[in-house]
PDB file of N, CA and C in Angstrom:
ATOM      1  N   MET A   1       0.841  -1.181   0.000  1.00  0.00           N
ATOM      2  CA  MET A   1       0.000   0.000   0.000  1.00  0.00           C
ATOM      3  C   MET A   1       0.885   1.242   0.000  1.00  0.00           C
ATOM      4  N   GLN A   2       0.469   2.260  -0.757  1.00  0.00           N
ATOM      5  CA  GLN A   2       1.228   3.507  -0.814  1.00  0.00           C
ATOM      6  C   GLN A   2       1.028   4.308   0.461  1.00  0.00           C
ATOM      7  N   LYS A   3       2.041   5.075   0.813  1.00  0.00           N
ATOM      8  CA  LYS A   3       2.017   5.868   2.043  1.00  0.00           C
ATOM      9  C   LYS A   3       2.215   7.341   1.709  1.00  0.00           C
ATOM     10  N   THR A   4       1.775   8.206   2.615  1.00  0.00           N
ATOM     11  CA  THR A   4       2.021   9.630   2.533  1.00  0.00           C
ATOM     12  C   THR A   4       2.017  10.188   3.949  1.00  0.00           C
ATOM     13  N   ILE A   5       2.339  11.447   4.068  1.00  0.00           N
ATOM     14  CA  ILE A   5       2.338  12.131   5.368  1.00  0.00           C
ATOM     15  C   ILE A   5       1.380  13.311   5.272  1.00  0.00           C
ATOM     16  N   ILE A   6       0.498  13.440   6.291  1.00  0.00           N
ATOM     17  CA  ILE A   6      -0.340  14.625   6.369  1.00  0.00           C
ATOM     18  C   ILE A   6       0.107  15.449   7.561  1.00  0.00           C
ATOM     19  N   LYS A   7      -0.112  16.758   7.472  1.00  0.00           N
ATOM     20  CA  LYS A   7       0.321  17.669   8.528  1.00  0.00           C
ATOM     21  C   LYS A   7      -0.846  18.545   8.948  1.00  0.00           C
ATOM     22  N   ASN A   8      -1.049  18.654  10.265  1.00  0.00           N
ATOM     23  CA  ASN A   8      -2.064  19.542  10.808  1.00  0.00           C
ATOM     24  C   ASN A   8      -1.513  20.965  10.744  1.00  0.00           C
ATOM     25  N   ILE A   9      -2.223  21.855  10.078  1.00  0.00           N
ATOM     26  CA  ILE A   9      -1.766  23.236   9.886  1.00  0.00           C
ATOM     27  C   ILE A   9      -1.629  23.970  11.218  1.00  0.00           C
ATOM     28  N   GLN A  10      -2.593  23.801  12.124  1.00  0.00           N
ATOM     29  CA  GLN A  10      -2.605  24.564  13.372  1.00  0.00           C
ATOM     30  C   GLN A  10      -1.549  24.100  14.362  1.00  0.00           C
ATOM     31  N   THR A  11      -1.341  22.781  14.473  1.00  0.00           N
ATOM     32  CA  THR A  11      -0.423  22.267  15.492  1.00  0.00           C
ATOM     33  C   THR A  11       0.955  21.911  14.934  1.00  0.00           C
ATOM     34  N   GLY A  12       1.041  21.699  13.623  1.00  0.00           N
ATOM     35  CA  GLY A  12       2.304  21.299  13.018  1.00  0.00           C
ATOM     36  C   GLY A  12       2.617  19.819  13.174  1.00  0.00           C
ATOM     37  N   ILE A  13       1.690  19.037  13.739  1.00  0.00           N
ATOM     38  CA  ILE A  13       1.897  17.605  13.953  1.00  0.00           C
ATOM     39  C   ILE A  13       1.693  16.858  12.637  1.00  0.00           C
ATOM     40  N   SER A  14       2.625  15.974  12.322  1.00  0.00           N
ATOM     41  CA  SER A  14       2.539  15.165  11.108  1.00  0.00           C
ATOM     42  C   SER A  14       2.222  13.716  11.465  1.00  0.00           C
ATOM     43  N   LYS A  15       1.455  13.056  10.603  1.00  0.00           N
ATOM     44  CA  LYS A  15       1.094  11.653  10.805  1.00  0.00           C
ATOM     45  C   LYS A  15       1.290  10.885   9.505  1.00  0.00           C
ATOM     46  N   ASN A  16       1.716   9.627   9.632  1.00  0.00           N
ATOM     47  CA  ASN A  16       1.822   8.738   8.476  1.00  0.00           C
ATOM     48  C   ASN A  16       0.443   8.213   8.122  1.00  0.00           C
ATOM     49  N   CYS A  17       0.196   8.074   6.814  1.00  0.00           N
ATOM     50  CA  CYS A  17      -1.110   7.618   6.341  1.00  0.00           C
ATOM     51  C   CYS A  17      -0.955   6.614   5.219  1.00  0.00           C
ATOM     52  N   ASP A  18      -1.965   5.755   5.082  1.00  0.00           N
ATOM     53  CA  ASP A  18      -2.086   4.859   3.937  1.00  0.00           C
ATOM     54  C   ASP A  18      -2.995   5.532   2.920  1.00  0.00           C
ATOM     55  N   ILE A  19      -2.602   5.495   1.652  1.00  0.00           N
ATOM     56  CA  ILE A  19      -3.405   6.098   0.589  1.00  0.00           C
ATOM     57  C   ILE A  19      -4.444   5.088   0.107  1.00  0.00           C
ATOM     58  N   LEU A  20      -5.716   5.474   0.182  1.00  0.00           N
ATOM     59  CA  LEU A  20      -6.796   4.635  -0.321  1.00  0.00           C
ATOM     60  C   LEU A  20      -7.079   4.946  -1.789  1.00  0.00           C
ATOM     61  N   LYS A  21      -7.054   6.234  -2.125  1.00  0.00           N
ATOM     62  CA  LYS A  21      -7.379   6.667  -3.485  1.00  0.00           C
ATOM     63  C   LYS A  21      -6.637   7.963  -3.781  1.00  0.00           C
ATOM     64  N   LYS A  22      -6.077   8.056  -4.991  1.00  0.00           N
ATOM     65  CA  LYS A  22      -5.355   9.266  -5.359  1.00  0.00           C
ATOM     66  C   LYS A  22      -5.517   9.513  -6.850  1.00  0.00           C
ATOM     67  N   ASN A  23      -5.851  10.757  -7.204  1.00  0.00           N
ATOM     68  CA  ASN A  23      -5.846  11.183  -8.594  1.00  0.00           C
ATOM     69  C   ASN A  23      -5.483  12.662  -8.646  1.00  0.00           C
ATOM     70  N   GLU A  24      -5.709  13.317  -9.777  1.00  0.00           N
ATOM     71  CA  GLU A  24      -5.306  14.719  -9.927  1.00  0.00           C
ATOM     72  C   GLU A  24      -6.106  15.664  -9.046  1.00  0.00           C
ATOM     73  N   LYS A  25      -7.276  15.238  -8.582  1.00  0.00           N
ATOM     74  CA  LYS A  25      -8.150  16.132  -7.831  1.00  0.00           C
ATOM     75  C   LYS A  25      -8.281  15.806  -6.351  1.00  0.00           C
ATOM     76  N   ILE A  26      -8.197  14.515  -5.987  1.00  0.00           N
ATOM     77  CA  ILE A  26      -8.421  14.138  -4.589  1.00  0.00           C
ATOM     78  C   ILE A  26      -7.361  13.162  -4.074  1.00  0.00           C
ATOM     79  N   LEU A  27      -7.238  13.150  -2.761  1.00  0.00           N
ATOM     80  CA  LEU A  27      -6.383  12.191  -2.059  1.00  0.00           C
ATOM     81  C   LEU A  27      -7.181  11.703  -0.858  1.00  0.00           C
ATOM     82  N   GLU A  28      -7.446  10.396  -0.816  1.00  0.00           N
ATOM     83  CA  GLU A  28      -8.189   9.812   0.296  1.00  0.00           C
ATOM     84  C   GLU A  28      -7.232   8.955   1.107  1.00  0.00           C
ATOM     85  N   VAL A  29      -7.101   9.275   2.407  1.00  0.00           N
ATOM     86  CA  VAL A  29      -6.124   8.595   3.254  1.00  0.00           C
ATOM     87  C   VAL A  29      -6.768   8.095   4.542  1.00  0.00           C
ATOM     88  N   VAL A  30      -6.084   7.124   5.175  1.00  0.00           N
ATOM     89  CA  VAL A  30      -6.439   6.652   6.519  1.00  0.00           C
ATOM     90  C   VAL A  30      -5.184   6.797   7.365  1.00  0.00           C
ATOM     91  N   ILE A  31      -5.324   7.450   8.510  1.00  0.00           N
ATOM     92  CA  ILE A  31      -4.184   7.620   9.413  1.00  0.00           C
ATOM     93  C   ILE A  31      -3.794   6.253   9.966  1.00  0.00           C
ATOM     94  N   GLU A  32      -2.494   5.938   9.945  1.00  0.00           N
ATOM     95  CA  GLU A  32      -2.011   4.640  10.403  1.00  0.00           C
ATOM     96  C   GLU A  32      -2.446   4.349  11.830  1.00  0.00           C
ATOM     97  N   ASN A  33      -2.792   3.099  12.077  1.00  0.00           N
ATOM     98  CA  ASN A  33      -3.202   2.587  13.391  1.00  0.00           C
ATOM     99  C   ASN A  33      -4.492   3.225  13.910  1.00  0.00           C
ATOM    100  N   THR A  34      -5.304   3.794  13.004  1.00  0.00           N
ATOM    101  CA  THR A  34      -6.613   4.331  13.377  1.00  0.00           C
ATOM    102  C   THR A  34      -7.618   3.942  12.298  1.00  0.00           C
ATOM    103  N   THR A  35      -8.859   4.357  12.496  1.00  0.00           N
ATOM    104  CA  THR A  35      -9.877   4.186  11.462  1.00  0.00           C
ATOM    105  C   THR A  35     -10.307   5.552  10.925  1.00  0.00           C
ATOM    106  N   ILE A  36      -9.484   6.568  11.142  1.00  0.00           N
ATOM    107  CA  ILE A  36      -9.815   7.927  10.707  1.00  0.00           C
ATOM    108  C   ILE A  36      -9.496   8.085   9.225  1.00  0.00           C
ATOM    109  N   LYS A  37     -10.540   8.372   8.447  1.00  0.00           N
ATOM    110  CA  LYS A  37     -10.383   8.565   7.007  1.00  0.00           C
ATOM    111  C   LYS A  37     -10.554  10.047   6.711  1.00  0.00           C
ATOM    112  N   ILE A  38      -9.642  10.604   5.894  1.00  0.00           N
ATOM    113  CA  ILE A  38      -9.678  12.019   5.544  1.00  0.00           C
ATOM    114  C   ILE A  38      -9.624  12.154   4.034  1.00  0.00           C
ATOM    115  N   LEU A  39     -10.481  13.011   3.498  1.00  0.00           N
ATOM    116  CA  LEU A  39     -10.511  13.309   2.075  1.00  0.00           C
ATOM    117  C   LEU A  39      -9.899  14.684   1.867  1.00  0.00           C
ATOM    118  N   LEU A  40      -8.824  14.734   1.078  1.00  0.00           N
ATOM    119  CA  LEU A  40      -8.151  15.992   0.788  1.00  0.00           C
ATOM    120  C   LEU A  40      -8.339  16.324  -0.685  1.00  0.00           C
ATOM    121  N   LYS A  41      -8.521  17.608  -0.986  1.00  0.00           N
ATOM    122  CA  LYS A  41      -8.712  18.051  -2.363  1.00  0.00           C
ATOM    123  C   LYS A  41      -7.513  18.872  -2.816  1.00  0.00           C
ATOM    124  N   LYS A  42      -7.148  18.733  -4.085  1.00  0.00           N
ATOM    125  CA  LYS A  42      -5.956  19.387  -4.628  1.00  0.00           C
ATOM    126  C   LYS A  42      -6.184  20.891  -4.762  1.00  0.00           C
ATOM    127  N   LYS A  43      -5.239  21.659  -4.212  1.00  0.00           N
ATOM    128  CA  LYS A  43      -5.233  23.114  -4.339  1.00  0.00           C
ATOM    129  C   LYS A  43      -3.786  23.555  -4.498  1.00  0.00           C
ATOM    130  N   THR A  44      -3.439  24.055  -5.657  1.00  0.00           N
ATOM    131  CA  THR A  44      -2.095  24.578  -5.944  1.00  0.00           C
ATOM    132  C   THR A  44      -0.963  23.685  -5.425  1.00  0.00           C
ATOM    133  N   ASN A  45      -0.810  22.539  -6.023  1.00  0.00           N
ATOM    134  CA  ASN A  45       0.284  21.599  -5.775  1.00  0.00           C
ATOM    135  C   ASN A  45       0.253  20.889  -4.420  1.00  0.00           C
ATOM    136  N   LYS A  46      -0.743  21.131  -3.581  1.00  0.00           N
ATOM    137  CA  LYS A  46      -0.886  20.417  -2.316  1.00  0.00           C
ATOM    138  C   LYS A  46      -2.325  19.980  -2.162  1.00  0.00           C
ATOM    139  N   TYR A  47      -2.505  18.919  -1.401  1.00  0.00           N
ATOM    140  CA  TYR A  47      -3.845  18.444  -1.082  1.00  0.00           C
ATOM    141  C   TYR A  47      -4.248  19.025   0.271  1.00  0.00           C
ATOM    142  N   VAL A  48      -5.472  19.533   0.361  1.00  0.00           N
ATOM    143  CA  VAL A  48      -5.968  20.169   1.584  1.00  0.00           C
ATOM    144  C   VAL A  48      -7.280  19.504   1.973  1.00  0.00           C
ATOM    145  N   GLY A  49      -7.419  19.182   3.275  1.00  0.00           N
ATOM    146  CA  GLY A  49      -8.641  18.564   3.756  1.00  0.00           C
ATOM    147  C   GLY A  49      -8.922  18.938   5.200  1.00  0.00           C
ATOM    148  N   TYR A  50     -10.130  18.613   5.647  1.00  0.00           N
ATOM    149  CA  TYR A  50     -10.565  18.982   6.996  1.00  0.00           C
ATOM    150  C   TYR A  50     -11.109  17.762   7.722  1.00  0.00           C
ATOM    151  N   PHE A  51     -10.871  17.727   9.033  1.00  0.00           N
ATOM    152  CA  PHE A  51     -11.427  16.698   9.895  1.00  0.00           C
ATOM    153  C   PHE A  51     -11.657  17.315  11.266  1.00  0.00           C
ATOM    154  N   LYS A  52     -12.908  17.343  11.714  1.00  0.00           N
ATOM    155  CA  LYS A  52     -13.268  17.900  13.027  1.00  0.00           C
ATOM    156  C   LYS A  52     -12.668  19.280  13.248  1.00  0.00           C
ATOM    157  N   ASP A  53     -12.926  20.191  12.334  1.00  0.00           N
ATOM    158  CA  ASP A  53     -12.478  21.594  12.412  1.00  0.00           C
ATOM    159  C   ASP A  53     -10.965  21.745  12.405  1.00  0.00           C
ATOM    160  N   MET A  54     -10.230  20.732  11.957  1.00  0.00           N
ATOM    161  CA  MET A  54      -8.782  20.823  11.813  1.00  0.00           C
ATOM    162  C   MET A  54      -8.443  20.743  10.334  1.00  0.00           C
ATOM    163  N   GLU A  55      -7.490  21.552   9.913  1.00  0.00           N
ATOM    164  CA  GLU A  55      -7.081  21.569   8.503  1.00  0.00           C
ATOM    165  C   GLU A  55      -5.782  20.792   8.333  1.00  0.00           C
ATOM    166  N   PHE A  56      -5.743  19.939   7.305  1.00  0.00           N
ATOM    167  CA  PHE A  56      -4.580  19.118   7.016  1.00  0.00           C
ATOM    168  C   PHE A  56      -4.087  19.375   5.606  1.00  0.00           C
ATOM    169  N   ILE A  57      -2.770  19.228   5.404  1.00  0.00           N
ATOM    170  CA  ILE A  57      -2.205  19.324   4.069  1.00  0.00           C
ATOM    171  C   ILE A  57      -1.317  18.122   3.812  1.00  0.00           C
ATOM    172  N   SER A  58      -1.143  17.806   2.533  1.00  0.00           N
ATOM    173  CA  SER A  58      -0.258  16.727   2.129  1.00  0.00           C
ATOM    174  C   SER A  58       0.220  17.004   0.708  1.00  0.00           C
ATOM    175  N   GLU A  59       1.418  16.522   0.398  1.00  0.00           N
ATOM    176  CA  GLU A  59       1.919  16.637  -0.954  1.00  0.00           C
ATOM    177  C   GLU A  59       1.546  15.410  -1.773  1.00  0.00           C
ATOM    178  N   GLY A  60       0.935  14.430  -1.132  1.00  0.00           N
ATOM    179  CA  GLY A  60       0.473  13.233  -1.816  1.00  0.00           C
ATOM    180  C   GLY A  60       1.566  12.227  -1.928  1.00  0.00           C
TER     181      GLY A  60
END
């Protein structure tokens, strides 16, 4: 399975993730060792997504 890293914008904390789905517009990930799934959308060379009022970014 492909991996990526997402970063919380507010706290600066990074987490490893498994990639479920990736294309030019979206990146769907699950944080390792959890069942938390996050959908990120492509915006200017980075993927941006939200989970419980927290913003995350990833380069995919």
